[in-house]
């Protein structure tokens, strides 16, 4: 049986930043969202055309960081392959056939 751990946590300090740039529309939205205001704020007006919005979205996609994509391989590079079939019983009348296939191009000893 393992003894319980005792952790000592340093006192936390709370600070408030009063120099925050928040627009009035965002303030109104937050007040309404959390029930401090009864008047529903008006949605922001967007004067952009559809093409402008598409171009803006394309520019934002370009700024995304490079995320590595998975490496694929074809049947010529396969070093190990195993296929198994199994049945899963869903209820007393129904079963589901499942195919599990493991394929890799890594050498497995």
PDB file of N, CA and C in Angstrom:
ATOM      1  N   UNK A   1       0.842  -1.185   0.000  1.00  0.00           N
ATOM      2  CA  UNK A   1       0.000   0.000   0.000  1.00  0.00           C
ATOM      3  C   UNK A   1       0.881   1.240   0.000  1.00  0.00           C
ATOM      4  N   UNK A   2       0.542   2.168  -0.858  1.00  0.00           N
ATOM      5  CA  UNK A   2       1.341   3.375  -1.005  1.00  0.00           C
ATOM      6  C   UNK A   2       0.856   4.442  -0.028  1.00  0.00           C
ATOM      7  N   UNK A   3       1.807   5.118   0.621  1.00  0.00           N
ATOM      8  CA  UNK A   3       1.458   6.176   1.561  1.00  0.00           C
ATOM      9  C   UNK A   3       0.970   7.398   0.792  1.00  0.00           C
ATOM     10  N   UNK A   4       0.044   8.143   1.346  1.00  0.00           N
ATOM     11  CA  UNK A   4      -0.433   9.349   0.656  1.00  0.00           C
ATOM     12  C   UNK A   4       0.673  10.402   0.598  1.00  0.00           C
ATOM     13  N   UNK A   5       0.657  11.153  -0.480  1.00  0.00           N
ATOM     14  CA  UNK A   5       1.633  12.216  -0.659  1.00  0.00           C
ATOM     15  C   UNK A   5       1.108  13.511  -0.069  1.00  0.00           C
ATOM     16  N   UNK A   6       2.012  14.282   0.442  1.00  0.00           N
ATOM     17  CA  UNK A   6       1.673  15.620   0.925  1.00  0.00           C
ATOM     18  C   UNK A   6       2.409  16.601   0.030  1.00  0.00           C
ATOM     19  N   UNK A   7       1.667  17.470  -0.597  1.00  0.00           N
ATOM     20  CA  UNK A   7       2.272  18.472  -1.469  1.00  0.00           C
ATOM     21  C   UNK A   7       2.058  19.853  -0.867  1.00  0.00           C
ATOM     22  N   UNK A   8       3.112  20.626  -0.835  1.00  0.00           N
ATOM     23  CA  UNK A   8       3.023  21.989  -0.336  1.00  0.00           C
ATOM     24  C   UNK A   8       2.918  22.909  -1.545  1.00  0.00           C
ATOM     25  N   UNK A   9       1.863  23.674  -1.582  1.00  0.00           N
ATOM     26  CA  UNK A   9       1.617  24.575  -2.698  1.00  0.00           C
ATOM     27  C   UNK A   9       1.850  25.994  -2.217  1.00  0.00           C
ATOM     28  N   UNK A  10       2.687  26.711  -2.935  1.00  0.00           N
ATOM     29  CA  UNK A  10       2.951  28.106  -2.585  1.00  0.00           C
ATOM     30  C   UNK A  10       1.681  28.919  -2.749  1.00  0.00           C
ATOM     31  N   UNK A  11       1.575  29.957  -1.936  1.00  0.00           N
ATOM     32  CA  UNK A  11       0.416  30.847  -2.037  1.00  0.00           C
ATOM     33  C   UNK A  11       0.405  31.507  -3.406  1.00  0.00           C
ATOM     34  N   UNK A  12      -0.772  31.578  -3.994  1.00  0.00           N
ATOM     35  CA  UNK A  12      -0.908  32.181  -5.301  1.00  0.00           C
ATOM     36  C   UNK A  12      -1.309  33.634  -5.151  1.00  0.00           C
ATOM     37  N   UNK A  13      -0.847  34.438  -6.065  1.00  0.00           N
ATOM     38  CA  UNK A  13      -1.171  35.856  -6.043  1.00  0.00           C
ATOM     39  C   UNK A  13      -2.081  36.175  -7.215  1.00  0.00           C
ATOM     40  N   UNK A  14      -3.030  37.024  -6.957  1.00  0.00           N
ATOM     41  CA  UNK A  14      -3.961  37.443  -8.000  1.00  0.00           C
ATOM     42  C   UNK A  14      -3.671  38.894  -8.340  1.00  0.00           C
ATOM     43  N   UNK A  15      -3.583  39.173  -9.624  1.00  0.00           N
ATOM     44  CA  UNK A  15      -3.351  40.545 -10.036  1.00  0.00           C
ATOM     45  C   UNK A  15      -4.377  40.918 -11.093  1.00  0.00           C
ATOM     46  N   UNK A  16      -4.725  42.170 -11.129  1.00  0.00           N
ATOM     47  CA  UNK A  16      -5.687  42.677 -12.094  1.00  0.00           C
ATOM     48  C   UNK A  16      -5.000  43.700 -12.973  1.00  0.00           C
ATOM     49  N   UNK A  17      -5.132  43.494 -14.256  1.00  0.00           N
ATOM     50  CA  UNK A  17      -4.541  44.426 -15.218  1.00  0.00           C
ATOM     51  C   UNK A  17      -5.625  45.418 -15.624  1.00  0.00           C
ATOM     52  N   UNK A  18      -5.465  46.657 -15.218  1.00  0.00           N
ATOM     53  CA  UNK A  18      -6.474  47.675 -15.533  1.00  0.00           C
ATOM     54  C   UNK A  18      -6.194  48.369 -16.855  1.00  0.00           C
ATOM     55  N   UNK A  19      -5.058  48.095 -17.458  1.00  0.00           N
ATOM     56  CA  UNK A  19      -4.690  48.728 -18.729  1.00  0.00           C
ATOM     57  C   UNK A  19      -4.970  47.747 -19.869  1.00  0.00           C
ATOM     58  N   UNK A  20      -6.248  47.414 -20.060  1.00  0.00           N
ATOM     59  CA  UNK A  20      -6.637  46.454 -21.083  1.00  0.00           C
ATOM     60  C   UNK A  20      -7.433  47.186 -22.158  1.00  0.00           C
ATOM     61  N   UNK A  21      -7.108  46.917 -23.400  1.00  0.00           N
ATOM     62  CA  UNK A  21      -7.830  47.532 -24.505  1.00  0.00           C
ATOM     63  C   UNK A  21      -8.950  46.606 -24.953  1.00  0.00           C
ATOM     64  N   UNK A  22     -10.175  46.897 -24.522  1.00  0.00           N
ATOM     65  CA  UNK A  22     -11.348  46.109 -24.891  1.00  0.00           C
ATOM     66  C   UNK A  22     -12.343  47.066 -25.541  1.00  0.00           C
ATOM     67  N   UNK A  23     -12.863  46.654 -26.686  1.00  0.00           N
ATOM     68  CA  UNK A  23     -13.817  47.517 -27.371  1.00  0.00           C
ATOM     69  C   UNK A  23     -15.151  47.525 -26.626  1.00  0.00           C
ATOM     70  N   UNK A  24     -15.927  48.564 -26.849  1.00  0.00           N
ATOM     71  CA  UNK A  24     -17.215  48.691 -26.184  1.00  0.00           C
ATOM     72  C   UNK A  24     -18.158  47.570 -26.595  1.00  0.00           C
ATOM     73  N   UNK A  25     -18.092  47.143 -27.852  1.00  0.00           N
ATOM     74  CA  UNK A  25     -18.974  46.051 -28.281  1.00  0.00           C
ATOM     75  C   UNK A  25     -18.628  44.746 -27.565  1.00  0.00           C
ATOM     76  N   UNK A  26     -17.328  44.500 -27.325  1.00  0.00           N
ATOM     77  CA  UNK A  26     -16.936  43.297 -26.592  1.00  0.00           C
ATOM     78  C   UNK A  26     -17.387  43.367 -25.138  1.00  0.00           C
ATOM     79  N   UNK A  27     -17.308  44.539 -24.541  1.00  0.00           N
ATOM     80  CA  UNK A  27     -17.794  44.731 -23.173  1.00  0.00           C
ATOM     81  C   UNK A  27     -19.290  44.442 -23.108  1.00  0.00           C
ATOM     82  N   UNK A  28     -20.056  44.976 -24.061  1.00  0.00           N
ATOM     83  CA  UNK A  28     -21.501  44.748 -24.090  1.00  0.00           C
ATOM     84  C   UNK A  28     -21.825  43.264 -24.265  1.00  0.00           C
ATOM     85  N   UNK A  29     -21.088  42.579 -25.143  1.00  0.00           N
ATOM     86  CA  UNK A  29     -21.320  41.149 -25.357  1.00  0.00           C
ATOM     87  C   UNK A  29     -21.056  40.345 -24.089  1.00  0.00           C
ATOM     88  N   UNK A  30     -19.956  40.650 -23.384  1.00  0.00           N
ATOM     89  CA  UNK A  30     -19.631  39.917 -22.159  1.00  0.00           C
ATOM     90  C   UNK A  30     -20.649  40.188 -21.054  1.00  0.00           C
ATOM     91  N   UNK A  31     -21.065  41.443 -20.915  1.00  0.00           N
ATOM     92  CA  UNK A  31     -22.067  41.765 -19.893  1.00  0.00           C
ATOM     93  C   UNK A  31     -23.373  41.022 -20.168  1.00  0.00           C
ATOM     94  N   UNK A  32     -23.795  40.954 -21.423  1.00  0.00           N
ATOM     95  CA  UNK A  32     -25.024  40.243 -21.767  1.00  0.00           C
ATOM     96  C   UNK A  32     -24.855  38.734 -21.575  1.00  0.00           C
ATOM     97  N   UNK A  33     -23.706  38.210 -21.971  1.00  0.00           N
ATOM     98  CA  UNK A  33     -23.458  36.767 -21.898  1.00  0.00           C
ATOM     99  C   UNK A  33     -23.550  36.268 -20.456  1.00  0.00           C
ATOM    100  N   UNK A  34     -23.026  37.028 -19.509  1.00  0.00           N
ATOM    101  CA  UNK A  34     -23.001  36.590 -18.123  1.00  0.00           C
ATOM    102  C   UNK A  34     -24.128  37.181 -17.277  1.00  0.00           C
ATOM    103  N   UNK A  35     -25.145  37.758 -17.932  1.00  0.00           N
ATOM    104  CA  UNK A  35     -26.358  38.162 -17.239  1.00  0.00           C
ATOM    105  C   UNK A  35     -26.294  39.483 -16.512  1.00  0.00           C
ATOM    106  N   UNK A  36     -25.342  40.328 -16.805  1.00  0.00           N
ATOM    107  CA  UNK A  36     -25.254  41.620 -16.145  1.00  0.00           C
ATOM    108  C   UNK A  36     -25.923  42.725 -16.947  1.00  0.00           C
ATOM    109  N   UNK A  37     -26.479  42.382 -18.097  1.00  0.00           N
ATOM    110  CA  UNK A  37     -27.167  43.353 -18.927  1.00  0.00           C
ATOM    111  C   UNK A  37     -28.374  42.670 -19.562  1.00  0.00           C
ATOM    112  N   UNK A  38     -29.494  43.391 -19.648  1.00  0.00           N
ATOM    113  CA  UNK A  38     -30.708  42.811 -20.236  1.00  0.00           C
ATOM    114  C   UNK A  38     -30.859  43.121 -21.713  1.00  0.00           C
ATOM    115  N   UNK A  39     -30.095  44.061 -22.213  1.00  0.00           N
ATOM    116  CA  UNK A  39     -30.208  44.420 -23.629  1.00  0.00           C
ATOM    117  C   UNK A  39     -29.204  43.623 -24.449  1.00  0.00           C
ATOM    118  N   UNK A  40     -29.736  42.940 -25.460  1.00  0.00           N
ATOM    119  CA  UNK A  40     -28.867  42.130 -26.307  1.00  0.00           C
ATOM    120  C   UNK A  40     -28.108  43.043 -27.263  1.00  0.00           C
ATOM    121  N   UNK A  41     -26.774  42.912 -27.302  1.00  0.00           N
ATOM    122  CA  UNK A  41     -25.996  43.778 -28.196  1.00  0.00           C
ATOM    123  C   UNK A  41     -26.227  43.414 -29.651  1.00  0.00           C
ATOM    124  N   UNK A  42     -26.052  44.414 -30.497  1.00  0.00           N
ATOM    125  CA  UNK A  42     -26.213  44.202 -31.934  1.00  0.00           C
ATOM    126  C   UNK A  42     -24.976  43.505 -32.486  1.00  0.00           C
ATOM    127  N   UNK A  43     -25.176  42.567 -33.421  1.00  0.00           N
ATOM    128  CA  UNK A  43     -24.006  41.919 -34.014  1.00  0.00           C
ATOM    129  C   UNK A  43     -23.196  42.925 -34.822  1.00  0.00           C
ATOM    130  N   UNK A  44     -21.876  42.690 -34.916  1.00  0.00           N
ATOM    131  CA  UNK A  44     -21.059  43.640 -35.679  1.00  0.00           C
ATOM    132  C   UNK A  44     -21.435  43.630 -37.148  1.00  0.00           C
ATOM    133  N   UNK A  45     -21.337  44.797 -37.757  1.00  0.00           N
ATOM    134  CA  UNK A  45     -21.678  44.942 -39.168  1.00  0.00           C
ATOM    135  C   UNK A  45     -20.426  44.659 -39.988  1.00  0.00           C
ATOM    136  N   UNK A  46     -20.573  43.764 -40.955  1.00  0.00           N
ATOM    137  CA  UNK A  46     -19.445  43.389 -41.808  1.00  0.00           C
ATOM    138  C   UNK A  46     -19.723  43.923 -43.210  1.00  0.00           C
ATOM    139  N   UNK A  47     -18.915  44.866 -43.652  1.00  0.00           N
ATOM    140  CA  UNK A  47     -19.104  45.466 -44.964  1.00  0.00           C
ATOM    141  C   UNK A  47     -18.275  44.786 -46.049  1.00  0.00           C
ATOM    142  N   UNK A  48     -17.657  43.649 -45.736  1.00  0.00           N
ATOM    143  CA  UNK A  48     -16.823  42.961 -46.713  1.00  0.00           C
ATOM    144  C   UNK A  48     -17.679  42.152 -47.683  1.00  0.00           C
ATOM    145  N   UNK A  49     -17.210  42.061 -48.902  1.00  0.00           N
ATOM    146  CA  UNK A  49     -17.874  41.199 -49.875  1.00  0.00           C
ATOM    147  C   UNK A  49     -17.448  39.759 -49.616  1.00  0.00           C
ATOM    148  N   UNK A  50     -18.130  38.829 -50.255  1.00  0.00           N
ATOM    149  CA  UNK A  50     -17.811  37.419 -50.087  1.00  0.00           C
ATOM    150  C   UNK A  50     -16.379  37.143 -50.529  1.00  0.00           C
ATOM    151  N   UNK A  51     -15.960  37.730 -51.645  1.00  0.00           N
ATOM    152  CA  UNK A  51     -14.611  37.511 -52.159  1.00  0.00           C
ATOM    153  C   UNK A  51     -13.563  38.032 -51.179  1.00  0.00           C
ATOM    154  N   UNK A  52     -13.848  39.187 -50.540  1.00  0.00           N
ATOM    155  CA  UNK A  52     -12.909  39.725 -49.560  1.00  0.00           C
ATOM    156  C   UNK A  52     -12.771  38.799 -48.359  1.00  0.00           C
ATOM    157  N   UNK A  53     -13.897  38.225 -47.907  1.00  0.00           N
ATOM    158  CA  UNK A  53     -13.836  37.297 -46.775  1.00  0.00           C
ATOM    159  C   UNK A  53     -13.065  36.036 -47.136  1.00  0.00           C
ATOM    160  N   UNK A  54     -13.245  35.528 -48.356  1.00  0.00           N
ATOM    161  CA  UNK A  54     -12.505  34.342 -48.798  1.00  0.00           C
ATOM    162  C   UNK A  54     -11.020  34.648 -48.856  1.00  0.00           C
ATOM    163  N   UNK A  55     -10.658  35.808 -49.415  1.00  0.00           N
ATOM    164  CA  UNK A  55      -9.242  36.197 -49.482  1.00  0.00           C
ATOM    165  C   UNK A  55      -8.642  36.349 -48.096  1.00  0.00           C
ATOM    166  N   UNK A  56      -9.396  36.905 -47.156  1.00  0.00           N
ATOM    167  CA  UNK A  56      -8.915  37.056 -45.793  1.00  0.00           C
ATOM    168  C   UNK A  56      -8.700  35.680 -45.155  1.00  0.00           C
ATOM    169  N   UNK A  57      -9.610  34.745 -45.390  1.00  0.00           N
ATOM    170  CA  UNK A  57      -9.444  33.388 -44.866  1.00  0.00           C
ATOM    171  C   UNK A  57      -8.239  32.696 -45.457  1.00  0.00           C
ATOM    172  N   UNK A  58      -7.998  32.907 -46.758  1.00  0.00           N
ATOM    173  CA  UNK A  58      -6.826  32.306 -47.394  1.00  0.00           C
ATOM    174  C   UNK A  58      -5.532  32.881 -46.820  1.00  0.00           C
ATOM    175  N   UNK A  59      -5.518  34.171 -46.540  1.00  0.00           N
ATOM    176  CA  UNK A  59      -4.320  34.778 -45.952  1.00  0.00           C
ATOM    177  C   UNK A  59      -4.068  34.220 -44.555  1.00  0.00           C
ATOM    178  N   UNK A  60      -5.130  33.968 -43.783  1.00  0.00           N
ATOM    179  CA  UNK A  60      -4.968  33.415 -42.442  1.00  0.00           C
ATOM    180  C   UNK A  60      -4.461  31.983 -42.507  1.00  0.00           C
ATOM    181  N   UNK A  61      -4.896  31.202 -43.510  1.00  0.00           N
ATOM    182  CA  UNK A  61      -4.425  29.828 -43.642  1.00  0.00           C
ATOM    183  C   UNK A  61      -2.949  29.796 -43.983  1.00  0.00           C
ATOM    184  N   UNK A  62      -2.484  30.771 -44.738  1.00  0.00           N
ATOM    185  CA  UNK A  62      -1.068  30.808 -45.110  1.00  0.00           C
ATOM    186  C   UNK A  62      -0.206  31.036 -43.875  1.00  0.00           C
ATOM    187  N   UNK A  63      -0.711  31.781 -42.907  1.00  0.00           N
ATOM    188  CA  UNK A  63       0.056  32.087 -41.699  1.00  0.00           C
ATOM    189  C   UNK A  63       0.101  30.946 -40.694  1.00  0.00           C
ATOM    190  N   UNK A  64      -0.603  29.863 -40.934  1.00  0.00           N
ATOM    191  CA  UNK A  64      -0.591  28.743 -40.001  1.00  0.00           C
ATOM    192  C   UNK A  64       0.797  28.124 -39.970  1.00  0.00           C
ATOM    193  N   UNK A  65       1.209  27.618 -38.801  1.00  0.00           N
ATOM    194  CA  UNK A  65       2.533  26.995 -38.728  1.00  0.00           C
ATOM    195  C   UNK A  65       2.562  25.701 -39.544  1.00  0.00           C
ATOM    196  N   UNK A  66       3.755  25.335 -39.953  1.00  0.00           N
ATOM    197  CA  UNK A  66       3.911  24.104 -40.718  1.00  0.00           C
ATOM    198  C   UNK A  66       3.737  22.905 -39.805  1.00  0.00           C
ATOM    199  N   UNK A  67       2.675  22.172 -40.028  1.00  0.00           N
ATOM    200  CA  UNK A  67       2.396  20.974 -39.254  1.00  0.00           C
ATOM    201  C   UNK A  67       2.845  19.786 -40.081  1.00  0.00           C
ATOM    202  N   UNK A  68       3.665  18.903 -39.511  1.00  0.00           N
ATOM    203  CA  UNK A  68       4.136  17.777 -40.313  1.00  0.00           C
ATOM    204  C   UNK A  68       2.976  16.875 -40.730  1.00  0.00           C
ATOM    205  N   UNK A  69       3.023  16.445 -41.966  1.00  0.00           N
ATOM    206  CA  UNK A  69       1.980  15.550 -42.455  1.00  0.00           C
ATOM    207  C   UNK A  69       2.463  14.111 -42.301  1.00  0.00           C
ATOM    208  N   UNK A  70       1.545  13.169 -42.170  1.00  0.00           N
ATOM    209  CA  UNK A  70       1.957  11.784 -42.000  1.00  0.00           C
ATOM    210  C   UNK A  70       2.674  11.260 -43.247  1.00  0.00           C
ATOM    211  N   UNK A  71       3.613  10.395 -43.025  1.00  0.00           N
ATOM    212  CA  UNK A  71       4.359   9.800 -44.131  1.00  0.00           C
ATOM    213  C   UNK A  71       3.601   8.571 -44.594  1.00  0.00           C
ATOM    214  N   UNK A  72       3.356   8.502 -45.876  1.00  0.00           N
ATOM    215  CA  UNK A  72       2.649   7.350 -46.417  1.00  0.00           C
ATOM    216  C   UNK A  72       3.632   6.457 -47.160  1.00  0.00           C
ATOM    217  N   UNK A  73       3.248   5.229 -47.356  1.00  0.00           N
ATOM    218  CA  UNK A  73       4.075   4.297 -48.091  1.00  0.00           C
ATOM    219  C   UNK A  73       3.164   3.404 -48.910  1.00  0.00           C
ATOM    220  N   UNK A  74       3.714   2.790 -49.936  1.00  0.00           N
ATOM    221  CA  UNK A  74       2.902   1.929 -50.792  1.00  0.00           C
ATOM    222  C   UNK A  74       3.253   0.466 -50.519  1.00  0.00           C
ATOM    223  N   UNK A  75       2.626  -0.433 -51.265  1.00  0.00           N
ATOM    224  CA  UNK A  75       2.772  -1.862 -51.007  1.00  0.00           C
ATOM    225  C   UNK A  75       4.182  -2.375 -51.284  1.00  0.00           C
ATOM    226  N   UNK A  76       4.996  -1.625 -51.997  1.00  0.00           N
ATOM    227  CA  UNK A  76       6.363  -2.064 -52.268  1.00  0.00           C
ATOM    228  C   UNK A  76       7.242  -1.951 -51.032  1.00  0.00           C
ATOM    229  N   UNK A  77       6.879  -1.068 -50.083  1.00  0.00           N
ATOM    230  CA  UNK A  77       7.718  -0.821 -48.915  1.00  0.00           C
ATOM    231  C   UNK A  77       7.280  -1.595 -47.676  1.00  0.00           C
ATOM    232  N   UNK A  78       6.284  -2.452 -47.788  1.00  0.00           N
ATOM    233  CA  UNK A  78       5.727  -3.113 -46.612  1.00  0.00           C
ATOM    234  C   UNK A  78       6.695  -4.171 -46.108  1.00  0.00           C
ATOM    235  N   UNK A  79       7.063  -4.055 -44.821  1.00  0.00           N
ATOM    236  CA  UNK A  79       7.916  -5.054 -44.186  1.00  0.00           C
ATOM    237  C   UNK A  79       7.120  -5.964 -43.274  1.00  0.00           C
ATOM    238  N   UNK A  80       5.975  -5.515 -42.795  1.00  0.00           N
ATOM    239  CA  UNK A  80       5.166  -6.322 -41.885  1.00  0.00           C
ATOM    240  C   UNK A  80       3.706  -6.025 -42.155  1.00  0.00           C
ATOM    241  N   UNK A  81       2.918  -7.063 -42.265  1.00  0.00           N
ATOM    242  CA  UNK A  81       1.486  -6.909 -42.476  1.00  0.00           C
ATOM    243  C   UNK A  81       0.759  -8.047 -41.767  1.00  0.00           C
ATOM    244  N   UNK A  82      -0.282  -7.690 -41.065  1.00  0.00           N
ATOM    245  CA  UNK A  82      -1.082  -8.701 -40.374  1.00  0.00           C
ATOM    246  C   UNK A  82      -2.535  -8.268 -40.420  1.00  0.00           C
ATOM    247  N   UNK A  83      -3.398  -9.211 -40.760  1.00  0.00           N
ATOM    248  CA  UNK A  83      -4.825  -8.939 -40.827  1.00  0.00           C
ATOM    249  C   UNK A  83      -5.556  -9.939 -39.946  1.00  0.00           C
ATOM    250  N   UNK A  84      -6.454  -9.438 -39.120  1.00  0.00           N
ATOM    251  CA  UNK A  84      -7.259 -10.313 -38.270  1.00  0.00           C
ATOM    252  C   UNK A  84      -8.715  -9.903 -38.395  1.00  0.00           C
ATOM    253  N   UNK A  85      -9.571 -10.883 -38.388  1.00  0.00           N
ATOM    254  CA  UNK A  85     -11.015 -10.670 -38.407  1.00  0.00           C
ATOM    255  C   UNK A  85     -11.569 -11.095 -37.062  1.00  0.00           C
ATOM    256  N   UNK A  86     -12.529 -10.358 -36.567  1.00  0.00           N
ATOM    257  CA  UNK A  86     -13.183 -10.739 -35.323  1.00  0.00           C
ATOM    258  C   UNK A  86     -14.635 -10.283 -35.372  1.00  0.00           C
ATOM    259  N   UNK A  87     -15.468 -10.916 -34.589  1.00  0.00           N
ATOM    260  CA  UNK A  87     -16.878 -10.549 -34.491  1.00  0.00           C
ATOM    261  C   UNK A  87     -17.133  -9.924 -33.133  1.00  0.00           C
ATOM    262  N   UNK A  88     -17.844  -8.802 -33.169  1.00  0.00           N
ATOM    263  CA  UNK A  88     -18.254  -8.152 -31.922  1.00  0.00           C
ATOM    264  C   UNK A  88     -19.753  -8.352 -31.764  1.00  0.00           C
ATOM    265  N   UNK A  89     -20.152  -8.859 -30.633  1.00  0.00           N
ATOM    266  CA  UNK A  89     -21.571  -9.078 -30.397  1.00  0.00           C
ATOM    267  C   UNK A  89     -22.184  -7.790 -29.863  1.00  0.00           C
ATOM    268  N   UNK A  90     -23.113  -7.212 -30.653  1.00  0.00           N
ATOM    269  CA  UNK A  90     -23.761  -5.967 -30.254  1.00  0.00           C
ATOM    270  C   UNK A  90     -24.885  -6.224 -29.264  1.00  0.00           C
ATOM    271  N   UNK A  91     -25.694  -7.190 -29.567  1.00  0.00           N
ATOM    272  CA  UNK A  91     -26.722  -7.660 -28.643  1.00  0.00           C
ATOM    273  C   UNK A  91     -26.956  -9.128 -28.965  1.00  0.00           C
ATOM    274  N   UNK A  92     -27.992  -9.704 -28.419  1.00  0.00           N
ATOM    275  CA  UNK A  92     -28.196 -11.152 -28.586  1.00  0.00           C
ATOM    276  C   UNK A  92     -28.497 -11.537 -30.033  1.00  0.00           C
ATOM    277  N   UNK A  93     -28.968 -10.608 -30.863  1.00  0.00           N
ATOM    278  CA  UNK A  93     -29.335 -10.937 -32.238  1.00  0.00           C
ATOM    279  C   UNK A  93     -28.359 -10.402 -33.285  1.00  0.00           C
ATOM    280  N   UNK A  94     -27.525  -9.452 -32.940  1.00  0.00           N
ATOM    281  CA  UNK A  94     -26.688  -8.782 -33.930  1.00  0.00           C
ATOM    282  C   UNK A  94     -25.206  -8.890 -33.591  1.00  0.00           C
ATOM    283  N   UNK A  95     -24.411  -9.168 -34.608  1.00  0.00           N
ATOM    284  CA  UNK A  95     -22.962  -9.144 -34.459  1.00  0.00           C
ATOM    285  C   UNK A  95     -22.377  -8.242 -35.550  1.00  0.00           C
ATOM    286  N   UNK A  96     -21.216  -7.737 -35.275  1.00  0.00           N
ATOM    287  CA  UNK A  96     -20.542  -6.839 -36.190  1.00  0.00           C
ATOM    288  C   UNK A  96     -19.190  -7.439 -36.528  1.00  0.00           C
ATOM    289  N   UNK A  97     -18.936  -7.666 -37.825  1.00  0.00           N
ATOM    290  CA  UNK A  97     -17.644  -8.176 -38.258  1.00  0.00           C
ATOM    291  C   UNK A  97     -16.645  -7.040 -38.369  1.00  0.00           C
ATOM    292  N   UNK A  98     -15.467  -7.203 -37.762  1.00  0.00           N
ATOM    293  CA  UNK A  98     -14.453  -6.150 -37.737  1.00  0.00           C
ATOM    294  C   UNK A  98     -13.169  -6.700 -38.340  1.00  0.00           C
ATOM    295  N   UNK A  99     -12.573  -5.925 -39.222  1.00  0.00           N
ATOM    296  CA  UNK A  99     -11.286  -6.270 -39.820  1.00  0.00           C
ATOM    297  C   UNK A  99     -10.230  -5.348 -39.224  1.00  0.00           C
ATOM    298  N   UNK A 100      -9.186  -5.921 -38.646  1.00  0.00           N
ATOM    299  CA  UNK A 100      -8.083  -5.158 -38.084  1.00  0.00           C
ATOM    300  C   UNK A 100      -6.864  -5.458 -38.926  1.00  0.00           C
ATOM    301  N   UNK A 101      -6.295  -4.434 -39.513  1.00  0.00           N
ATOM    302  CA  UNK A 101      -5.144  -4.617 -40.383  1.00  0.00           C
ATOM    303  C   UNK A 101      -4.011  -3.727 -39.896  1.00  0.00           C
ATOM    304  N   UNK A 102      -2.870  -4.350 -39.634  1.00  0.00           N
ATOM    305  CA  UNK A 102      -1.684  -3.625 -39.199  1.00  0.00           C
ATOM    306  C   UNK A 102      -0.654  -3.744 -40.311  1.00  0.00           C
ATOM    307  N   UNK A 103      -0.215  -2.601 -40.802  1.00  0.00           N
ATOM    308  CA  UNK A 103       0.760  -2.568 -41.888  1.00  0.00           C
ATOM    309  C   UNK A 103       1.829  -1.550 -41.524  1.00  0.00           C
ATOM    310  N   UNK A 104       3.083  -1.900 -41.696  1.00  0.00           N
ATOM    311  CA  UNK A 104       4.151  -0.961 -41.404  1.00  0.00           C
ATOM    312  C   UNK A 104       5.299  -1.146 -42.393  1.00  0.00           C
ATOM    313  N   UNK A 105       6.059  -0.079 -42.571  1.00  0.00           N
ATOM    314  CA  UNK A 105       7.253  -0.191 -43.393  1.00  0.00           C
ATOM    315  C   UNK A 105       8.502  -0.285 -42.525  1.00  0.00           C
ATOM    316  N   UNK A 106       8.318  -0.335 -41.200  1.00  0.00           N
ATOM    317  CA  UNK A 106       9.445  -0.508 -40.290  1.00  0.00           C
ATOM    318  C   UNK A 106       9.806  -1.982 -40.189  1.00  0.00           C
ATOM    319  N   UNK A 107      11.063  -2.261 -40.013  1.00  0.00           N
ATOM    320  CA  UNK A 107      11.491  -3.648 -39.850  1.00  0.00           C
ATOM    321  C   UNK A 107      11.211  -4.080 -38.433  1.00  0.00           C
ATOM    322  N   UNK A 108      10.448  -5.156 -38.280  1.00  0.00           N
ATOM    323  CA  UNK A 108      10.118  -5.692 -36.969  1.00  0.00           C
ATOM    324  C   UNK A 108      10.839  -7.026 -36.831  1.00  0.00           C
ATOM    325  N   UNK A 109      11.618  -7.164 -35.774  1.00  0.00           N
ATOM    326  CA  UNK A 109      12.379  -8.401 -35.560  1.00  0.00           C
ATOM    327  C   UNK A 109      11.553  -9.412 -34.806  1.00  0.00           C
TER     328      UNK A 109
END
